[in-house]
Amino acid sequence: MQDTLFHSPETPPEHAVIARFRLGGDGFGESDQRALVFEAERSTGAAVEAARVGEVDGNEFGGGEVVIFAYGPDAESLYRLMEPGLRALPFRPAHVVLRHGEPADDVVRQRIDL
């Protein structure tokens, strides 16, 4: 007999979508570039939230690039919702990494060039 009072279901591993774009210059990009990134982040975040597949968790600017992070239980579902907004950003080179599971050396990663 199982004691349900102390049984907690395992949480699924957290997957990630990590999108990386090259910006102009060596710093944080131009203000118009940042504005485009913020708008793409808002629109993809709204789509992800509405579908309840995870969350767009923010960005990191520096070194002439920006990285956008999203997390949820299924990287493929996250990416399907985010793909139109990410592809619409004009900055290249660019790529997305789908991480299938928690960050570890042996977790499956898939790179998609945009």
PDB file of N, CA and C in Angstrom:
ATOM      1  N   MET A   1       0.840  -1.179   0.000  1.00  0.00           N
ATOM      2  CA  MET A   1       0.000   0.000   0.000  1.00  0.00           C
ATOM      3  C   MET A   1       0.888   1.245   0.000  1.00  0.00           C
ATOM      4  N   GLN A   2       0.536   2.202  -0.808  1.00  0.00           N
ATOM      5  CA  GLN A   2       1.329   3.419  -0.942  1.00  0.00           C
ATOM      6  C   GLN A   2       0.735   4.515  -0.067  1.00  0.00           C
ATOM      7  N   ASP A   3       1.593   5.233   0.623  1.00  0.00           N
ATOM      8  CA  ASP A   3       1.166   6.332   1.468  1.00  0.00           C
ATOM      9  C   ASP A   3       1.113   7.589   0.608  1.00  0.00           C
ATOM     10  N   THR A   4      -0.092   8.006   0.196  1.00  0.00           N
ATOM     11  CA  THR A   4      -0.236   9.141  -0.716  1.00  0.00           C
ATOM     12  C   THR A   4       0.056  10.478  -0.046  1.00  0.00           C
ATOM     13  N   LEU A   5       0.033  10.504   1.267  1.00  0.00           N
ATOM     14  CA  LEU A   5       0.333  11.754   1.952  1.00  0.00           C
ATOM     15  C   LEU A   5       1.759  12.225   1.677  1.00  0.00           C
ATOM     16  N   PHE A   6       2.679  11.274   1.554  1.00  0.00           N
ATOM     17  CA  PHE A   6       4.083  11.628   1.354  1.00  0.00           C
ATOM     18  C   PHE A   6       4.572  11.364  -0.056  1.00  0.00           C
ATOM     19  N   HIS A   7       3.685  10.958  -0.935  1.00  0.00           N
ATOM     20  CA  HIS A   7       4.076  10.689  -2.315  1.00  0.00           C
ATOM     21  C   HIS A   7       3.889  11.964  -3.135  1.00  0.00           C
ATOM     22  N   SER A   8       4.956  12.434  -3.706  1.00  0.00           N
ATOM     23  CA  SER A   8       4.842  13.585  -4.601  1.00  0.00           C
ATOM     24  C   SER A   8       5.268  13.145  -5.991  1.00  0.00           C
ATOM     25  N   PRO A   9       4.467  13.500  -6.995  1.00  0.00           N
ATOM     26  CA  PRO A   9       4.818  13.087  -8.363  1.00  0.00           C
ATOM     27  C   PRO A   9       6.112  13.759  -8.803  1.00  0.00           C
ATOM     28  N   GLU A  10       6.851  13.045  -9.632  1.00  0.00           N
ATOM     29  CA  GLU A  10       8.086  13.611 -10.166  1.00  0.00           C
ATOM     30  C   GLU A  10       7.742  14.717 -11.147  1.00  0.00           C
ATOM     31  N   THR A  11       8.489  15.788 -11.080  1.00  0.00           N
ATOM     32  CA  THR A  11       8.283  16.853 -12.050  1.00  0.00           C
ATOM     33  C   THR A  11       9.066  16.498 -13.314  1.00  0.00           C
ATOM     34  N   PRO A  12       8.472  16.784 -14.476  1.00  0.00           N
ATOM     35  CA  PRO A  12       9.181  16.460 -15.715  1.00  0.00           C
ATOM     36  C   PRO A  12      10.418  17.331 -15.840  1.00  0.00           C
ATOM     37  N   PRO A  13      11.429  16.850 -16.551  1.00  0.00           N
ATOM     38  CA  PRO A  13      12.639  17.661 -16.733  1.00  0.00           C
ATOM     39  C   PRO A  13      12.301  18.926 -17.518  1.00  0.00           C
ATOM     40  N   GLU A  14      13.009  19.984 -17.211  1.00  0.00           N
ATOM     41  CA  GLU A  14      12.774  21.253 -17.886  1.00  0.00           C
ATOM     42  C   GLU A  14      13.559  21.310 -19.186  1.00  0.00           C
ATOM     43  N   HIS A  15      12.848  21.519 -20.278  1.00  0.00           N
ATOM     44  CA  HIS A  15      13.463  21.701 -21.591  1.00  0.00           C
ATOM     45  C   HIS A  15      13.698  23.188 -21.808  1.00  0.00           C
ATOM     46  N   ALA A  16      14.479  23.517 -22.819  1.00  0.00           N
ATOM     47  CA  ALA A  16      14.770  24.923 -23.099  1.00  0.00           C
ATOM     48  C   ALA A  16      14.834  25.179 -24.601  1.00  0.00           C
ATOM     49  N   VAL A  17      14.510  26.412 -24.962  1.00  0.00           N
ATOM     50  CA  VAL A  17      14.760  26.956 -26.290  1.00  0.00           C
ATOM     51  C   VAL A  17      15.669  28.157 -26.056  1.00  0.00           C
ATOM     52  N   ILE A  18      16.841  28.126 -26.667  1.00  0.00           N
ATOM     53  CA  ILE A  18      17.829  29.188 -26.490  1.00  0.00           C
ATOM     54  C   ILE A  18      18.160  29.739 -27.873  1.00  0.00           C
ATOM     55  N   ALA A  19      17.714  30.969 -28.128  1.00  0.00           N
ATOM     56  CA  ALA A  19      17.890  31.599 -29.436  1.00  0.00           C
ATOM     57  C   ALA A  19      19.001  32.636 -29.355  1.00  0.00           C
ATOM     58  N   ARG A  20      19.941  32.578 -30.289  1.00  0.00           N
ATOM     59  CA  ARG A  20      21.108  33.466 -30.278  1.00  0.00           C
ATOM     60  C   ARG A  20      21.183  34.220 -31.605  1.00  0.00           C
ATOM     61  N   PHE A  21      21.272  35.564 -31.511  1.00  0.00           N
ATOM     62  CA  PHE A  21      21.319  36.435 -32.685  1.00  0.00           C
ATOM     63  C   PHE A  21      22.527  37.353 -32.600  1.00  0.00           C
ATOM     64  N   ARG A  22      23.212  37.556 -33.722  1.00  0.00           N
ATOM     65  CA  ARG A  22      24.334  38.496 -33.822  1.00  0.00           C
ATOM     66  C   ARG A  22      23.754  39.885 -34.066  1.00  0.00           C
ATOM     67  N   LEU A  23      24.184  40.862 -33.278  1.00  0.00           N
ATOM     68  CA  LEU A  23      23.763  42.248 -33.430  1.00  0.00           C
ATOM     69  C   LEU A  23      24.918  43.066 -33.982  1.00  0.00           C
ATOM     70  N   GLY A  24      24.665  44.324 -34.292  1.00  0.00           N
ATOM     71  CA  GLY A  24      25.711  45.209 -34.778  1.00  0.00           C
ATOM     72  C   GLY A  24      26.619  45.659 -33.643  1.00  0.00           C
ATOM     73  N   GLY A  25      27.908  45.754 -33.908  1.00  0.00           N
ATOM     74  CA  GLY A  25      28.869  46.226 -32.925  1.00  0.00           C
ATOM     75  C   GLY A  25      29.287  45.145 -31.951  1.00  0.00           C
ATOM     76  N   ASP A  26      30.076  45.569 -30.969  1.00  0.00           N
ATOM     77  CA  ASP A  26      30.594  44.618 -29.993  1.00  0.00           C
ATOM     78  C   ASP A  26      29.875  44.680 -28.651  1.00  0.00           C
ATOM     79  N   GLY A  27      28.930  45.598 -28.505  1.00  0.00           N
ATOM     80  CA  GLY A  27      28.275  45.791 -27.212  1.00  0.00           C
ATOM     81  C   GLY A  27      26.896  45.188 -27.146  1.00  0.00           C
ATOM     82  N   PHE A  28      25.927  46.051 -26.873  1.00  0.00           N
ATOM     83  CA  PHE A  28      24.559  45.621 -26.640  1.00  0.00           C
ATOM     84  C   PHE A  28      23.643  45.835 -27.835  1.00  0.00           C
ATOM     85  N   GLY A  29      24.199  46.131 -28.995  1.00  0.00           N
ATOM     86  CA  GLY A  29      23.401  46.415 -30.178  1.00  0.00           C
ATOM     87  C   GLY A  29      22.864  47.833 -30.147  1.00  0.00           C
ATOM     88  N   GLU A  30      22.258  48.246 -31.227  1.00  0.00           N
ATOM     89  CA  GLU A  30      21.670  49.584 -31.330  1.00  0.00           C
ATOM     90  C   GLU A  30      20.292  49.591 -30.672  1.00  0.00           C
ATOM     91  N   SER A  31      19.800  50.776 -30.325  1.00  0.00           N
ATOM     92  CA  SER A  31      18.510  50.874 -29.628  1.00  0.00           C
ATOM     93  C   SER A  31      17.372  50.308 -30.476  1.00  0.00           C
ATOM     94  N   ASP A  32      17.391  50.510 -31.801  1.00  0.00           N
ATOM     95  CA  ASP A  32      16.333  49.955 -32.644  1.00  0.00           C
ATOM     96  C   ASP A  32      16.408  48.426 -32.693  1.00  0.00           C
ATOM     97  N   GLN A  33      17.611  47.870 -32.617  1.00  0.00           N
ATOM     98  CA  GLN A  33      17.761  46.415 -32.570  1.00  0.00           C
ATOM     99  C   GLN A  33      17.186  45.862 -31.260  1.00  0.00           C
ATOM    100  N   ARG A  34      17.493  46.517 -30.156  1.00  0.00           N
ATOM    101  CA  ARG A  34      16.963  46.077 -28.863  1.00  0.00           C
ATOM    102  C   ARG A  34      15.439  46.159 -28.842  1.00  0.00           C
ATOM    103  N   ALA A  35      14.887  47.218 -29.444  1.00  0.00           N
ATOM    104  CA  ALA A  35      13.430  47.363 -29.493  1.00  0.00           C
ATOM    105  C   ALA A  35      12.786  46.206 -30.253  1.00  0.00           C
ATOM    106  N   LEU A  36      13.386  45.802 -31.368  1.00  0.00           N
ATOM    107  CA  LEU A  36      12.861  44.655 -32.126  1.00  0.00           C
ATOM    108  C   LEU A  36      12.922  43.367 -31.305  1.00  0.00           C
ATOM    109  N   VAL A  37      14.009  43.177 -30.588  1.00  0.00           N
ATOM    110  CA  VAL A  37      14.153  41.987 -29.744  1.00  0.00           C
ATOM    111  C   VAL A  37      13.095  41.993 -28.645  1.00  0.00           C
ATOM    112  N   PHE A  38      12.900  43.137 -27.983  1.00  0.00           N
ATOM    113  CA  PHE A  38      11.913  43.213 -26.911  1.00  0.00           C
ATOM    114  C   PHE A  38      10.510  42.926 -27.432  1.00  0.00           C
ATOM    115  N   GLU A  39      10.177  43.424 -28.625  1.00  0.00           N
ATOM    116  CA  GLU A  39       8.861  43.168 -29.204  1.00  0.00           C
ATOM    117  C   GLU A  39       8.699  41.686 -29.551  1.00  0.00           C
ATOM    118  N   ALA A  40       9.728  41.078 -30.132  1.00  0.00           N
ATOM    119  CA  ALA A  40       9.663  39.647 -30.447  1.00  0.00           C
ATOM    120  C   ALA A  40       9.529  38.826 -29.165  1.00  0.00           C
ATOM    121  N   GLU A  41      10.231  39.239 -28.140  1.00  0.00           N
ATOM    122  CA  GLU A  41      10.153  38.536 -26.862  1.00  0.00           C
ATOM    123  C   GLU A  41       8.743  38.636 -26.272  1.00  0.00           C
ATOM    124  N   ARG A  42       8.128  39.828 -26.358  1.00  0.00           N
ATOM    125  CA  ARG A  42       6.758  39.995 -25.855  1.00  0.00           C
ATOM    126  C   ARG A  42       5.765  39.138 -26.636  1.00  0.00           C
ATOM    127  N   SER A  43       5.865  39.170 -27.964  1.00  0.00           N
ATOM    128  CA  SER A  43       4.891  38.430 -28.776  1.00  0.00           C
ATOM    129  C   SER A  43       5.064  36.919 -28.638  1.00  0.00           C
ATOM    130  N   THR A  44       6.298  36.442 -28.642  1.00  0.00           N
ATOM    131  CA  THR A  44       6.497  34.998 -28.468  1.00  0.00           C
ATOM    132  C   THR A  44       6.115  34.583 -27.052  1.00  0.00           C
ATOM    133  N   GLY A  45       6.407  35.437 -26.074  1.00  0.00           N
ATOM    134  CA  GLY A  45       6.032  35.141 -24.690  1.00  0.00           C
ATOM    135  C   GLY A  45       4.529  35.027 -24.530  1.00  0.00           C
ATOM    136  N   ALA A  46       3.783  35.908 -25.183  1.00  0.00           N
ATOM    137  CA  ALA A  46       2.320  35.863 -25.116  1.00  0.00           C
ATOM    138  C   ALA A  46       1.784  34.576 -25.742  1.00  0.00           C
ATOM    139  N   ALA A  47       2.357  34.168 -26.873  1.00  0.00           N
ATOM    140  CA  ALA A  47       1.912  32.931 -27.526  1.00  0.00           C
ATOM    141  C   ALA A  47       2.203  31.710 -26.670  1.00  0.00           C
ATOM    142  N   VAL A  48       3.388  31.677 -26.074  1.00  0.00           N
ATOM    143  CA  VAL A  48       3.781  30.558 -25.218  1.00  0.00           C
ATOM    144  C   VAL A  48       2.888  30.501 -23.978  1.00  0.00           C
ATOM    145  N   GLU A  49       2.635  31.659 -23.390  1.00  0.00           N
ATOM    146  CA  GLU A  49       1.793  31.707 -22.192  1.00  0.00           C
ATOM    147  C   GLU A  49       0.357  31.293 -22.506  1.00  0.00           C
ATOM    148  N   ALA A  50      -0.185  31.778 -23.622  1.00  0.00           N
ATOM    149  CA  ALA A  50      -1.561  31.438 -23.994  1.00  0.00           C
ATOM    150  C   ALA A  50      -1.723  29.940 -24.228  1.00  0.00           C
ATOM    151  N   ALA A  51      -0.697  29.309 -24.788  1.00  0.00           N
ATOM    152  CA  ALA A  51      -0.753  27.867 -25.060  1.00  0.00           C
ATOM    153  C   ALA A  51      -0.391  27.037 -23.835  1.00  0.00           C
ATOM    154  N   ARG A  52       0.108  27.687 -22.790  1.00  0.00           N
ATOM    155  CA  ARG A  52       0.472  27.009 -21.538  1.00  0.00           C
ATOM    156  C   ARG A  52       1.529  25.922 -21.745  1.00  0.00           C
ATOM    157  N   VAL A  53       2.549  26.271 -22.527  1.00  0.00           N
ATOM    158  CA  VAL A  53       3.620  25.298 -22.789  1.00  0.00           C
ATOM    159  C   VAL A  53       4.939  25.691 -22.145  1.00  0.00           C
ATOM    160  N   GLY A  54       4.938  26.752 -21.363  1.00  0.00           N
ATOM    161  CA  GLY A  54       6.164  27.178 -20.705  1.00  0.00           C
ATOM    162  C   GLY A  54       6.200  28.671 -20.548  1.00  0.00           C
ATOM    163  N   GLU A  55       7.415  29.228 -20.551  1.00  0.00           N
ATOM    164  CA  GLU A  55       7.561  30.672 -20.422  1.00  0.00           C
ATOM    165  C   GLU A  55       8.807  31.162 -21.152  1.00  0.00           C
ATOM    166  N   VAL A  56       8.689  32.352 -21.721  1.00  0.00           N
ATOM    167  CA  VAL A  56       9.853  33.038 -22.260  1.00  0.00           C
ATOM    168  C   VAL A  56      10.427  33.787 -21.067  1.00  0.00           C
ATOM    169  N   ASP A  57      11.658  33.445 -20.721  1.00  0.00           N
ATOM    170  CA  ASP A  57      12.212  33.839 -19.434  1.00  0.00           C
ATOM    171  C   ASP A  57      13.147  35.034 -19.484  1.00  0.00           C
ATOM    172  N   GLY A  58      13.343  35.630 -20.643  1.00  0.00           N
ATOM    173  CA  GLY A  58      14.181  36.818 -20.684  1.00  0.00           C
ATOM    174  C   GLY A  58      15.251  36.746 -21.745  1.00  0.00           C
ATOM    175  N   ASN A  59      16.187  37.690 -21.638  1.00  0.00           N
ATOM    176  CA  ASN A  59      17.230  37.814 -22.644  1.00  0.00           C
ATOM    177  C   ASN A  59      18.526  38.217 -21.979  1.00  0.00           C
ATOM    178  N   GLU A  60      19.568  38.155 -22.768  1.00  0.00           N
ATOM    179  CA  GLU A  60      20.889  38.593 -22.318  1.00  0.00           C
ATOM    180  C   GLU A  60      21.580  39.256 -23.498  1.00  0.00           C
ATOM    181  N   PHE A  61      21.884  40.541 -23.352  1.00  0.00           N
ATOM    182  CA  PHE A  61      22.598  41.300 -24.379  1.00  0.00           C
ATOM    183  C   PHE A  61      24.050  41.441 -23.977  1.00  0.00           C
ATOM    184  N   GLY A  62      24.951  41.408 -24.949  1.00  0.00           N
ATOM    185  CA  GLY A  62      26.359  41.669 -24.681  1.00  0.00           C
ATOM    186  C   GLY A  62      27.239  41.032 -25.736  1.00  0.00           C
ATOM    187  N   GLY A  63      28.416  41.597 -25.915  1.00  0.00           N
ATOM    188  CA  GLY A  63      29.371  41.035 -26.856  1.00  0.00           C
ATOM    189  C   GLY A  63      28.886  41.038 -28.289  1.00  0.00           C
ATOM    190  N   GLY A  64      27.973  41.968 -28.625  1.00  0.00           N
ATOM    191  CA  GLY A  64      27.480  42.045 -29.996  1.00  0.00           C
ATOM    192  C   GLY A  64      26.421  41.015 -30.331  1.00  0.00           C
ATOM    193  N   GLU A  65      25.786  40.441 -29.315  1.00  0.00           N
ATOM    194  CA  GLU A  65      24.720  39.474 -29.581  1.00  0.00           C
ATOM    195  C   GLU A  65      23.651  39.543 -28.503  1.00  0.00           C
ATOM    196  N   VAL A  66      22.541  38.878 -28.782  1.00  0.00           N
ATOM    197  CA  VAL A  66      21.470  38.732 -27.806  1.00  0.00           C
ATOM    198  C   VAL A  66      21.066  37.264 -27.775  1.00  0.00           C
ATOM    199  N   VAL A  67      20.745  36.792 -26.579  1.00  0.00           N
ATOM    200  CA  VAL A  67      20.255  35.432 -26.387  1.00  0.00           C
ATOM    201  C   VAL A  67      18.896  35.541 -25.715  1.00  0.00           C
ATOM    202  N   ILE A  68      17.911  34.826 -26.250  1.00  0.00           N
ATOM    203  CA  ILE A  68      16.570  34.779 -25.676  1.00  0.00           C
ATOM    204  C   ILE A  68      16.363  33.376 -25.121  1.00  0.00           C
ATOM    205  N   PHE A  69      15.848  33.302 -23.896  1.00  0.00           N
ATOM    206  CA  PHE A  69      15.678  32.032 -23.197  1.00  0.00           C
ATOM    207  C   PHE A  69      14.198  31.721 -22.985  1.00  0.00           C
ATOM    208  N   ALA A  70      13.817  30.463 -23.207  1.00  0.00           N
ATOM    209  CA  ALA A  70      12.462  29.996 -22.904  1.00  0.00           C
ATOM    210  C   ALA A  70      12.566  28.597 -22.309  1.00  0.00           C
ATOM    211  N   TYR A  71      11.654  28.295 -21.386  1.00  0.00           N
ATOM    212  CA  TYR A  71      11.693  27.018 -20.670  1.00  0.00           C
ATOM    213  C   TYR A  71      10.294  26.426 -20.572  1.00  0.00           C
ATOM    214  N   GLY A  72      10.233  25.116 -20.571  1.00  0.00           N
ATOM    215  CA  GLY A  72       8.974  24.397 -20.417  1.00  0.00           C
ATOM    216  C   GLY A  72       9.214  22.904 -20.484  1.00  0.00           C
ATOM    217  N   PRO A  73       8.156  22.112 -20.419  1.00  0.00           N
ATOM    218  CA  PRO A  73       8.318  20.663 -20.399  1.00  0.00           C
ATOM    219  C   PRO A  73       8.585  20.027 -21.768  1.00  0.00           C
ATOM    220  N   ASP A  74       8.434  20.800 -22.874  1.00  0.00           N
ATOM    221  CA  ASP A  74       8.619  20.232 -24.212  1.00  0.00           C
ATOM    222  C   ASP A  74       9.238  21.282 -25.137  1.00  0.00           C
ATOM    223  N   ALA A  75      10.520  21.122 -25.449  1.00  0.00           N
ATOM    224  CA  ALA A  75      11.233  22.087 -26.285  1.00  0.00           C
ATOM    225  C   ALA A  75      10.607  22.229 -27.667  1.00  0.00           C
ATOM    226  N   GLU A  76      10.122  21.141 -28.231  1.00  0.00           N
ATOM    227  CA  GLU A  76       9.519  21.190 -29.571  1.00  0.00           C
ATOM    228  C   GLU A  76       8.274  22.073 -29.571  1.00  0.00           C
ATOM    229  N   SER A  77       7.413  21.912 -28.574  1.00  0.00           N
ATOM    230  CA  SER A  77       6.199  22.733 -28.487  1.00  0.00           C
ATOM    231  C   SER A  77       6.541  24.204 -28.305  1.00  0.00           C
ATOM    232  N   LEU A  78       7.521  24.477 -27.453  1.00  0.00           N
ATOM    233  CA  LEU A  78       7.968  25.857 -27.259  1.00  0.00           C
ATOM    234  C   LEU A  78       8.445  26.454 -28.574  1.00  0.00           C
ATOM    235  N   TYR A  79       9.305  25.727 -29.271  1.00  0.00           N
ATOM    236  CA  TYR A  79       9.884  26.250 -30.502  1.00  0.00           C
ATOM    237  C   TYR A  79       8.818  26.478 -31.574  1.00  0.00           C
ATOM    238  N   ARG A  80       7.868  25.563 -31.705  1.00  0.00           N
ATOM    239  CA  ARG A  80       6.808  25.737 -32.716  1.00  0.00           C
ATOM    240  C   ARG A  80       6.084  27.060 -32.526  1.00  0.00           C
ATOM    241  N   LEU A  81       5.837  27.433 -31.275  1.00  0.00           N
ATOM    242  CA  LEU A  81       5.143  28.691 -31.011  1.00  0.00           C
ATOM    243  C   LEU A  81       6.056  29.907 -31.194  1.00  0.00           C
ATOM    244  N   MET A  82       7.317  29.740 -30.886  1.00  0.00           N
ATOM    245  CA  MET A  82       8.261  30.853 -30.956  1.00  0.00           C
ATOM    246  C   MET A  82       8.842  31.075 -32.344  1.00  0.00           C
ATOM    247  N   GLU A  83       8.861  30.049 -33.163  1.00  0.00           N
ATOM    248  CA  GLU A  83       9.570  30.102 -34.446  1.00  0.00           C
ATOM    249  C   GLU A  83       9.193  31.289 -35.329  1.00  0.00           C
ATOM    250  N   PRO A  84       7.902  31.585 -35.536  1.00  0.00           N
ATOM    251  CA  PRO A  84       7.600  32.728 -36.425  1.00  0.00           C
ATOM    252  C   PRO A  84       8.203  34.043 -35.923  1.00  0.00           C
ATOM    253  N   GLY A  85       8.111  34.306 -34.643  1.00  0.00           N
ATOM    254  CA  GLY A  85       8.664  35.539 -34.092  1.00  0.00           C
ATOM    255  C   GLY A  85      10.176  35.577 -34.146  1.00  0.00           C
ATOM    256  N   LEU A  86      10.809  34.435 -33.918  1.00  0.00           N
ATOM    257  CA  LEU A  86      12.271  34.383 -33.974  1.00  0.00           C
ATOM    258  C   LEU A  86      12.767  34.553 -35.406  1.00  0.00           C
ATOM    259  N   ARG A  87      12.123  33.886 -36.350  1.00  0.00           N
ATOM    260  CA  ARG A  87      12.546  34.005 -37.752  1.00  0.00           C
ATOM    261  C   ARG A  87      12.319  35.408 -38.298  1.00  0.00           C
ATOM    262  N   ALA A  88      11.354  36.130 -37.726  1.00  0.00           N
ATOM    263  CA  ALA A  88      11.058  37.492 -38.188  1.00  0.00           C
ATOM    264  C   ALA A  88      12.146  38.488 -37.789  1.00  0.00           C
ATOM    265  N   LEU A  89      12.935  38.169 -36.779  1.00  0.00           N
ATOM    266  CA  LEU A  89      14.029  39.066 -36.408  1.00  0.00           C
ATOM    267  C   LEU A  89      15.062  39.070 -37.525  1.00  0.00           C
ATOM    268  N   PRO A  90      15.542  40.246 -37.946  1.00  0.00           N
ATOM    269  CA  PRO A  90      16.401  40.330 -39.129  1.00  0.00           C
ATOM    270  C   PRO A  90      17.879  40.061 -38.875  1.00  0.00           C
ATOM    271  N   PHE A  91      18.260  39.774 -37.661  1.00  0.00           N
ATOM    272  CA  PHE A  91      19.677  39.672 -37.327  1.00  0.00           C
ATOM    273  C   PHE A  91      20.233  38.295 -37.673  1.00  0.00           C
ATOM    274  N   ARG A  92      21.354  38.301 -38.387  1.00  0.00           N
ATOM    275  CA  ARG A  92      22.016  37.061 -38.765  1.00  0.00           C
ATOM    276  C   ARG A  92      23.508  37.253 -38.640  1.00  0.00           C
ATOM    277  N   PRO A  93      24.263  36.224 -38.377  1.00  0.00           N
ATOM    278  CA  PRO A  93      23.808  34.851 -38.209  1.00  0.00           C
ATOM    279  C   PRO A  93      22.989  34.683 -36.935  1.00  0.00           C
ATOM    280  N   ALA A  94      22.156  33.637 -36.962  1.00  0.00           N
ATOM    281  CA  ALA A  94      21.299  33.335 -35.827  1.00  0.00           C
ATOM    282  C   ALA A  94      21.036  31.844 -35.796  1.00  0.00           C
ATOM    283  N   HIS A  95      20.844  31.326 -34.596  1.00  0.00           N
ATOM    284  CA  HIS A  95      20.474  29.916 -34.452  1.00  0.00           C
ATOM    285  C   HIS A  95      19.721  29.720 -33.143  1.00  0.00           C
ATOM    286  N   VAL A  96      19.048  28.596 -33.064  1.00  0.00           N
ATOM    287  CA  VAL A  96      18.301  28.199 -31.880  1.00  0.00           C
ATOM    288  C   VAL A  96      18.825  26.844 -31.446  1.00  0.00           C
ATOM    289  N   VAL A  97      18.942  26.659 -30.145  1.00  0.00           N
ATOM    290  CA  VAL A  97      19.266  25.349 -29.592  1.00  0.00           C
ATOM    291  C   VAL A  97      18.055  24.873 -28.793  1.00  0.00           C
ATOM    292  N   LEU A  98      17.567  23.685 -29.140  1.00  0.00           N
ATOM    293  CA  LEU A  98      16.513  23.043 -28.363  1.00  0.00           C
ATOM    294  C   LEU A  98      17.193  22.064 -27.420  1.00  0.00           C
ATOM    295  N   ARG A  99      17.009  22.280 -26.132  1.00  0.00           N
ATOM    296  CA  ARG A  99      17.602  21.386 -25.133  1.00  0.00           C
ATOM    297  C   ARG A  99      16.481  20.519 -24.573  1.00  0.00           C
ATOM    298  N   HIS A 100      16.620  19.217 -24.762  1.00  0.00           N
ATOM    299  CA  HIS A 100      15.596  18.262 -24.343  1.00  0.00           C
ATOM    300  C   HIS A 100      15.970  17.684 -22.982  1.00  0.00           C
ATOM    301  N   GLY A 101      15.676  18.422 -21.923  1.00  0.00           N
ATOM    302  CA  GLY A 101      15.982  17.972 -20.575  1.00  0.00           C
ATOM    303  C   GLY A 101      16.790  19.008 -19.821  1.00  0.00           C
ATOM    304  N   GLU A 102      17.140  18.646 -18.598  1.00  0.00           N
ATOM    305  CA  GLU A 102      17.918  19.532 -17.739  1.00  0.00           C
ATOM    306  C   GLU A 102      19.319  19.722 -18.324  1.00  0.00           C
ATOM    307  N   PRO A 103      19.964  20.852 -18.009  1.00  0.00           N
ATOM    308  CA  PRO A 103      21.310  21.071 -18.554  1.00  0.00           C
ATOM    309  C   PRO A 103      22.297  20.045 -17.991  1.00  0.00           C
ATOM    310  N   ALA A 104      22.823  19.246 -18.862  1.00  0.00           N
ATOM    311  CA  ALA A 104      23.809  18.227 -18.497  1.00  0.00           C
ATOM    312  C   ALA A 104      24.578  17.876 -19.761  1.00  0.00           C
ATOM    313  N   ASP A 105      25.718  17.265 -19.585  1.00  0.00           N
ATOM    314  CA  ASP A 105      26.547  16.922 -20.739  1.00  0.00           C
ATOM    315  C   ASP A 105      25.884  15.928 -21.682  1.00  0.00           C
ATOM    316  N   ASP A 106      25.054  15.043 -21.139  1.00  0.00           N
ATOM    317  CA  ASP A 106      24.501  13.984 -21.976  1.00  0.00           C
ATOM    318  C   ASP A 106      23.074  14.250 -22.445  1.00  0.00           C
ATOM    319  N   VAL A 107      22.542  15.463 -22.210  1.00  0.00           N
ATOM    320  CA  VAL A 107      21.193  15.759 -22.640  1.00  0.00           C
ATOM    321  C   VAL A 107      21.191  16.035 -24.151  1.00  0.00           C
ATOM    322  N   VAL A 108      20.099  15.685 -24.809  1.00  0.00           N
ATOM    323  CA  VAL A 108      19.980  15.866 -26.251  1.00  0.00           C
ATOM    324  C   VAL A 108      19.789  17.348 -26.568  1.00  0.00           C
ATOM    325  N   ARG A 109      20.607  17.841 -27.484  1.00  0.00           N
ATOM    326  CA  ARG A 109      20.500  19.217 -27.956  1.00  0.00           C
ATOM    327  C   ARG A 109      20.374  19.180 -29.484  1.00  0.00           C
ATOM    328  N   GLN A 110      19.515  20.052 -29.989  1.00  0.00           N
ATOM    329  CA  GLN A 110      19.325  20.149 -31.438  1.00  0.00           C
ATOM    330  C   GLN A 110      19.533  21.601 -31.845  1.00  0.00           C
ATOM    331  N   ARG A 111      20.400  21.830 -32.805  1.00  0.00           N
ATOM    332  CA  ARG A 111      20.661  23.188 -33.294  1.00  0.00           C
ATOM    333  C   ARG A 111      19.897  23.403 -34.589  1.00  0.00           C
ATOM    334  N   ILE A 112      19.248  24.569 -34.680  1.00  0.00           N
ATOM    335  CA  ILE A 112      18.497  24.949 -35.873  1.00  0.00           C
ATOM    336  C   ILE A 112      19.000  26.329 -36.301  1.00  0.00           C
ATOM    337  N   ASP A 113      19.575  26.408 -37.502  1.00  0.00           N
ATOM    338  CA  ASP A 113      20.008  27.706 -38.028  1.00  0.00           C
ATOM    339  C   ASP A 113      18.798  28.461 -38.544  1.00  0.00           C
ATOM    340  N   LEU A 114      18.758  29.751 -38.249  1.00  0.00           N
ATOM    341  CA  LEU A 114      17.641  30.592 -38.704  1.00  0.00           C
ATOM    342  C   LEU A 114      18.049  31.368 -39.951  1.00  0.00           C
TER     343      LEU A 114
END
